[in-house]
Protein backbone atom coordinates (compact mmCIF):
# COMPACT_ATOMS: atom_id res chain seq x y z
CA MET A 1 31.73 68.33 10.62
CA ASP A 2 34.51 65.91 11.53
CA ASP A 3 36.70 64.49 8.80
CA LYS A 4 35.98 60.94 7.73
CA ILE A 5 38.09 58.11 9.10
CA SER A 6 40.13 56.26 6.46
CA GLN A 7 39.31 52.57 6.73
CA LYS A 8 42.48 51.69 4.81
CA ALA A 9 44.67 53.70 7.20
CA ILE A 10 42.97 52.12 10.22
CA GLU A 11 43.56 48.64 8.79
CA GLN A 12 47.21 49.35 8.06
CA TYR A 13 47.88 50.65 11.56
CA SER A 14 45.90 47.80 13.16
CA GLU A 15 47.85 45.21 11.20
CA ALA A 16 51.20 46.71 12.27
CA TYR A 17 50.10 46.92 15.90
CA ALA A 18 48.69 43.38 15.98
CA PHE A 19 51.76 41.89 14.31
CA LYS A 20 54.09 43.48 16.86
CA ILE A 21 52.03 42.33 19.86
CA VAL A 22 51.59 38.80 18.52
CA SER A 23 55.28 38.47 17.61
CA ALA A 24 56.33 39.43 21.13
CA PHE A 25 53.89 37.06 22.86
CA PHE A 26 54.44 34.00 20.67
CA ASP A 27 58.21 34.35 20.78
CA SER A 28 58.16 31.90 23.69
CA LYS A 29 54.66 30.33 23.54
CA GLU A 30 52.60 28.36 21.05
CA ARG A 31 49.07 29.20 22.26
CA ILE A 32 47.35 31.87 24.32
CA THR A 33 44.73 31.38 27.03
CA GLY A 34 41.80 33.56 28.11
CA PRO A 35 43.57 35.08 31.13
CA GLU A 36 46.61 35.81 28.94
CA ILE A 37 44.40 37.58 26.38
CA MET A 38 43.18 39.88 29.16
CA THR A 39 46.76 41.11 29.63
CA LEU A 40 47.96 40.74 26.05
CA CYS A 41 48.59 44.46 25.58
CA ASP A 42 48.42 47.57 27.76
CA ILE A 43 45.19 48.72 26.13
CA LYS A 44 42.42 46.96 28.03
CA GLN A 45 39.82 47.80 25.38
CA VAL A 46 41.77 45.91 22.72
CA ASN A 47 42.00 42.82 24.93
CA LEU A 48 38.27 42.98 25.69
CA PHE A 49 37.40 43.21 22.00
CA VAL A 50 39.40 40.02 21.31
CA LEU A 51 37.33 38.23 23.96
CA ARG A 52 34.15 39.79 22.56
CA GLU A 53 34.88 38.30 19.15
CA LEU A 54 35.48 34.87 20.68
CA MET A 55 32.14 35.07 22.47
CA ARG A 56 30.47 36.09 19.23
CA VAL A 57 31.89 32.98 17.60
CA TRP A 58 30.42 30.89 20.40
CA ARG A 59 27.06 32.63 20.01
CA VAL A 60 26.94 31.88 16.28
CA GLU A 61 28.00 28.27 16.77
CA SER A 62 25.46 27.67 19.53
CA GLN A 63 22.67 29.22 17.43
CA ASN A 64 23.42 26.65 14.73
CA LEU A 65 22.43 23.83 17.10
CA LYS A 66 19.14 22.70 15.61
CA SER A 67 17.60 19.27 15.52
CA PRO A 68 14.30 17.60 14.58
CA TYR A 69 14.81 15.33 17.58
CA PHE A 70 15.99 17.55 20.45
CA ASN A 71 14.55 20.76 21.90
CA TYR A 72 17.51 23.11 22.29
CA GLN A 73 15.14 25.88 23.41
CA ALA A 74 13.98 24.08 26.55
CA LYS A 75 14.75 26.02 29.74
CA GLU A 76 16.93 23.28 31.23
CA VAL A 77 18.89 22.98 27.97
CA THR A 78 19.51 26.74 27.62
CA GLU A 79 20.65 26.89 31.24
CA ALA A 80 23.01 23.99 30.66
CA MET A 81 24.33 25.64 27.49
CA HIS A 82 24.95 28.86 29.42
CA HIS A 83 26.88 26.91 32.06
CA PHE A 84 28.81 25.17 29.29
CA GLN A 85 29.70 28.54 27.75
CA ASN A 86 31.03 29.78 31.09
CA THR A 87 33.11 26.63 31.47
CA LEU A 88 34.40 26.83 27.92
CA SER A 89 35.37 30.48 28.35
CA ASN A 90 37.80 29.33 31.04
CA HIS A 91 39.51 27.03 28.55
CA ILE A 92 40.32 29.37 25.67
CA SER A 93 43.32 28.25 23.62
CA VAL A 94 44.24 30.16 20.46
CA SER A 95 47.21 29.79 18.12
CA ARG A 96 49.26 32.66 16.69
CA THR A 97 47.70 32.24 13.24
CA ASP A 98 44.16 32.38 14.60
CA LEU A 99 44.84 35.21 17.05
CA LEU A 100 46.35 37.63 14.54
CA PRO A 101 43.12 38.48 12.62
CA LEU A 102 41.17 38.68 15.91
CA LEU A 103 43.68 41.11 17.35
CA LYS A 104 43.83 43.18 14.17
CA ASN A 105 40.04 43.59 14.22
CA ALA A 106 40.11 44.40 17.95
CA VAL A 107 42.67 47.17 17.41
CA SER A 108 40.61 48.57 14.52
CA GLN A 109 37.40 48.64 16.57
CA ALA A 110 39.19 50.20 19.54
CA LEU A 111 40.52 52.98 17.30
CA TYR A 112 37.01 53.68 16.00
CA ALA A 113 35.65 53.73 19.57
CA VAL A 114 38.29 56.30 20.51
CA LEU A 115 38.53 58.49 17.40
CA SER A 116 35.05 58.23 15.89
CA PRO A 117 32.55 56.82 18.41
CA TYR A 118 29.60 57.66 16.15
CA ASP A 119 31.02 55.45 13.40
CA PHE A 120 31.72 52.81 16.03
CA TYR A 121 28.06 52.91 17.11
CA SER A 122 27.04 52.52 13.47
CA ASN A 123 29.32 49.51 13.05
CA THR A 124 28.00 47.97 16.25
CA LEU A 125 24.37 48.33 15.20
CA ASP A 126 24.97 47.35 11.58
CA ARG A 127 26.84 44.15 12.41
CA GLN A 128 23.86 42.81 14.32
CA GLY A 129 22.64 42.04 10.81
CA GLN A 130 19.52 41.19 8.80
CA GLY A 131 17.94 44.62 9.27
CA TYR A 132 17.02 43.80 12.87
CA ILE A 133 18.97 44.02 16.12
CA ASN A 134 18.60 41.38 18.79
CA ILE A 135 18.61 43.18 22.13
CA SER A 136 20.27 40.30 23.99
CA ASP A 137 23.13 40.19 21.47
CA LEU A 138 23.58 43.97 21.67
CA ARG A 139 23.63 43.78 25.47
CA SER A 140 26.29 41.06 25.33
CA ASP A 141 28.47 43.10 22.98
CA ILE A 142 28.27 46.26 25.08
CA LYS A 143 29.57 44.42 28.16
CA TYR A 144 32.99 44.48 26.49
CA LEU A 145 32.91 48.22 25.68
CA LYS A 146 34.69 50.51 28.15
CA ILE A 147 35.27 53.60 25.96
CA ASN A 148 32.44 56.04 25.10
CA GLN A 149 29.97 53.34 26.12
CA ALA A 150 27.27 55.50 27.75
CA PRO A 151 25.01 56.09 24.69
CA LEU A 152 24.85 52.39 23.79
CA GLU A 153 24.20 51.43 27.41
CA LYS A 154 21.37 53.96 27.49
CA LEU A 155 20.02 52.54 24.23
CA VAL A 156 19.87 49.01 25.66
CA GLN A 157 18.28 50.33 28.84
CA LYS A 158 15.50 52.07 26.88
CA LEU A 159 14.91 49.00 24.72
CA GLU A 160 14.65 46.75 27.77
CA GLU A 161 12.25 49.20 29.42
CA LYS A 162 10.06 48.81 26.34
CA LYS A 163 10.34 45.02 26.84
CA LEU A 164 11.55 44.58 23.27
CA THR A 165 13.52 41.54 22.14
CA ARG A 166 14.54 43.03 18.81
CA ILE A 167 14.27 46.29 16.88
CA SER A 168 14.81 47.42 13.29
CA GLY A 169 18.07 49.14 12.42
CA ASN A 170 16.30 52.39 11.47
CA GLU A 171 14.41 52.49 14.76
CA ALA A 172 17.62 51.86 16.69
CA PHE A 173 19.46 54.67 14.88
CA ALA A 174 16.58 57.08 15.50
CA LEU A 175 16.45 56.19 19.20
CA LEU A 176 20.23 56.49 19.54
CA ASP A 177 20.04 59.91 17.88
CA SER A 178 17.57 61.11 20.50
CA ILE A 179 19.72 59.65 23.28
CA LEU A 180 22.82 61.50 22.08
CA GLU A 181 20.89 64.75 22.08
CA GLU A 182 19.24 64.00 25.42
CA VAL A 183 22.48 63.24 27.30
CA ASN A 184 24.50 65.88 25.40
CA PHE A 185 27.14 63.23 24.75
CA THR A 186 30.76 64.36 24.51
CA PRO A 187 33.35 61.75 23.43
CA GLU A 188 36.30 61.05 25.71
CA ASP A 189 39.55 62.93 25.17
CA ILE A 190 41.72 60.93 22.78
CA GLU A 191 45.18 62.00 23.94
CA SER A 192 45.70 59.37 26.65
CA HIS A 193 44.50 56.63 24.31
CA VAL A 194 46.80 57.80 21.52
CA GLU A 195 49.73 57.71 23.96
CA GLN A 196 48.93 54.11 24.86
CA PHE A 197 48.77 53.00 21.23
CA SER A 198 51.99 54.86 20.45
CA LYS A 199 53.94 52.85 23.02
CA VAL A 200 53.76 49.91 20.61
CA VAL A 201 53.47 51.59 17.19
CA PRO A 202 53.68 55.40 16.83
CA LEU A 203 50.20 56.74 16.11
CA GLU A 204 49.79 59.93 14.07
CA VAL A 205 46.07 60.64 14.30
CA GLY A 206 46.02 62.95 11.27
CA LYS A 207 47.08 60.09 9.01
CA LEU A 208 44.01 58.06 9.97
CA TYR A 209 41.61 60.46 8.24
CA GLU A 210 40.68 60.78 4.59
CA PRO A 211 42.53 63.65 2.91
CA LYS A 212 40.34 66.65 2.24
CA VAL A 213 39.28 66.82 -1.39
CA ASN A 214 36.71 68.63 -3.49
CA SER A 215 33.17 67.36 -3.35
CA LEU A 216 33.76 65.11 -6.37
CA PRO A 217 36.53 62.51 -6.86
CA LYS A 218 39.81 63.48 -8.51
CA GLY A 219 39.43 63.96 -12.23
CA ILE A 220 35.70 64.68 -12.04
CA THR A 221 34.53 68.14 -12.96
CA PRO A 222 31.97 69.62 -10.55
CA VAL A 223 28.60 70.18 -12.16
CA GLU A 224 27.51 73.78 -12.51
CA ARG A 225 24.17 74.16 -10.80
CA LYS A 226 22.51 76.10 -13.60
CA PRO A 227 18.76 76.47 -13.84
CA GLU A 228 18.65 74.33 -16.98
CA LEU A 229 20.04 71.38 -15.00
CA VAL A 230 17.20 71.54 -12.49
CA GLY A 231 14.10 70.09 -14.06
CA ALA A 232 12.49 66.87 -15.16
CA SER A 233 13.92 67.22 -18.67
CA ALA A 234 17.45 67.81 -17.45
CA THR A 235 18.66 64.24 -17.82
CA LYS A 236 22.21 65.21 -18.83
CA PRO A 237 24.18 68.30 -19.78
CA ALA A 238 25.50 68.60 -23.30
CA GLY A 239 28.64 66.54 -23.90
CA ASN A 240 28.35 64.33 -20.82
CA HIS A 241 26.27 61.47 -19.50
CA TYR A 242 25.93 60.18 -15.95
CA GLN A 243 26.56 56.74 -14.55
CA LYS A 244 25.56 55.71 -11.06
CA ALA A 245 28.32 55.28 -8.49
CA SER A 246 27.84 53.55 -5.13
CA PRO A 247 24.57 54.31 -3.32
CA ILE A 248 24.45 57.29 -1.00
CA LYS A 249 23.24 55.09 1.86
CA ASN A 250 26.46 53.05 1.66
CA SER A 251 28.70 56.09 2.04
CA LEU A 252 26.98 57.73 5.01
CA THR A 253 28.74 57.75 8.37
CA ILE A 254 26.56 57.73 11.46
CA ASN A 255 27.83 61.26 12.14
CA GLN A 256 26.27 62.32 8.84
CA LYS A 257 23.06 60.41 9.52
CA PHE A 258 22.63 62.23 12.80
CA MET A 259 23.59 65.63 11.39
CA PHE A 260 21.40 65.46 8.28
CA THR A 261 18.43 64.09 10.23
CA LYS A 262 18.61 66.82 12.84
CA ILE A 263 19.43 69.84 10.62
CA LEU A 264 17.87 69.07 7.24
CA PHE A 265 15.00 66.69 8.05
CA ASN A 266 13.65 68.23 11.27
CA GLY A 267 14.80 65.29 13.39
CA ASP A 268 12.69 62.72 11.49
CA PHE A 269 14.94 59.75 10.71
CA GLU A 270 12.26 57.93 8.72
CA ILE A 271 11.80 60.87 6.34
CA PHE A 272 15.58 61.14 5.98
CA SER A 273 15.83 57.41 5.14
CA GLN A 274 13.02 57.66 2.58
CA ALA A 275 14.72 60.64 0.91
CA ILE A 276 18.00 58.72 0.61
CA GLU A 277 16.22 55.72 -0.89
CA ARG A 278 14.47 58.00 -3.39
CA LEU A 279 17.71 59.73 -4.40
CA ASP A 280 19.52 56.41 -4.80
CA ALA A 281 16.74 55.19 -7.12
CA LEU A 282 17.01 58.15 -9.50
CA ASN A 283 18.84 57.86 -12.82
CA ASN A 284 20.99 60.97 -12.98
CA LEU A 285 22.14 64.12 -11.25
CA GLY A 286 19.59 66.29 -13.04
CA GLN A 287 16.75 64.28 -11.54
CA ALA A 288 18.40 64.37 -8.12
CA LEU A 289 18.77 68.16 -8.17
CA ASP A 290 15.20 68.49 -9.39
CA TYR A 291 14.00 66.27 -6.52
CA LEU A 292 15.84 68.37 -3.92
CA GLU A 293 14.63 71.66 -5.40
CA THR A 294 11.03 70.43 -5.47
CA HIS A 295 10.85 68.87 -2.02
CA TYR A 296 13.40 70.84 0.03
CA LYS A 297 13.52 74.34 -1.43
CA GLU A 298 13.44 75.77 2.11
CA TRP A 299 16.90 74.38 2.93
CA ASP A 300 19.63 76.92 3.63
CA LYS A 301 21.86 76.41 0.61
CA GLU A 302 24.74 78.25 2.25
CA SER A 303 24.85 75.94 5.26
CA GLU A 304 27.62 73.41 5.85
CA GLU A 305 25.04 70.64 6.22
CA TYR A 306 23.44 71.37 2.85
CA GLN A 307 26.80 71.57 1.08
CA GLU A 308 27.93 68.26 2.56
CA PHE A 309 24.65 66.57 1.69
CA LEU A 310 24.85 67.92 -1.86
CA SER A 311 28.41 66.62 -2.25
CA LEU A 312 27.18 63.12 -1.39
CA VAL A 313 24.43 63.42 -3.99
CA GLU A 314 27.00 64.54 -6.59
CA ARG A 315 29.23 61.59 -5.75
CA ARG A 316 26.29 59.30 -6.56
CA PHE A 317 26.80 60.15 -10.22
CA VAL A 318 30.04 60.00 -12.18
CA ILE A 319 30.50 62.09 -15.30
CA GLY A 320 31.49 59.83 -18.17
CA SER A 321 32.43 60.35 -21.77
CA GLN A 322 29.95 61.01 -24.54
C-alpha cells in the first residue's frame, strides 16, 4: 500500500512554489489576464487548475441568481448566460493578492494528480458537495485535467450513458472503483513532472509523504489483542479508558477505500460503507474488535489489508488516563 501524502508538506511546497511564480510575474505588472494565466508557469496543469477555479467561482455566482420576478432557467436566458460566461472568460483580470491563493491551490491539486491520483479523484468527487455529484459540474471540472484523467473521463461517460444528472457520492466511488479495475489503470510516471516542479522550487518527493509510524500515534501504547478484550463486556482494559478520536471515515484515502472494498468486503462498496459507519458509532475499542470478530472472522489476519484496516480502527480510540 502506498504511503499517505502529507497535506501539510504539500501545502508548504505549494506556498513556496506559488510565491516564487507570483513574485516573478508581478515584478513588472499589477494584474494578470486569462491568456497570461495560461503561460504563467511551465507546468500546464497548474495553469489550467487556476482557470478551473475561476470558472468554479463563476458557476457558484451564476447559481446564486434567483428572483421571484425573472426566470433564470428559461432556455433563452441560460443560453445568454453561457454566452456571457464565454465573453467574461476573455476579460479575466486578477491582482497579485487574489492570484496567490488560487495558484497555491492549483499547485497542490496538481501535485495530488501526479503523486496520488486516487486521492485526487477523492478530492474531486468530494468537493462536488452535499452528498451528491452534479454530472455537468464534474464534466466541467474534468475538462481542465490533463494528468491521469482517463478514469474520471470514463466515469463521466458512463454516467452520461445512464442519462443521469446527478449521483450520490457512494455510488460514484463504487462506479469509479469498477472503472479502475476494468481499465487496469496505471498512473503516469512522476519523474518528468517532478523535474518540471523542481525548476522553480526543488521537489524531494519523499518529503511529501507522512513518516512511517506504528499503527497508533506517538505516545500511545498498542492494545494487546487478548481474548478478554474481544467480547461485549470488554468495554475497557484495566487501568485505561478509551476516548473517541476522529471518525474512521474522515481518515480514509480513496486508495484505502478501493483496497478495503475489493479485498475485505468482496467488492461491495455499500457493505464497506455500512461497516465503517457502524464502527464509528461504537463506544470503545473492545466493542470494535468484538464487531470485527463477529462479522468478519473469515478475514486473513496476517494480510496487509487487514493489518492496515485494524490500525485505522485502533486510531479511532485513544487510550487515556484512569
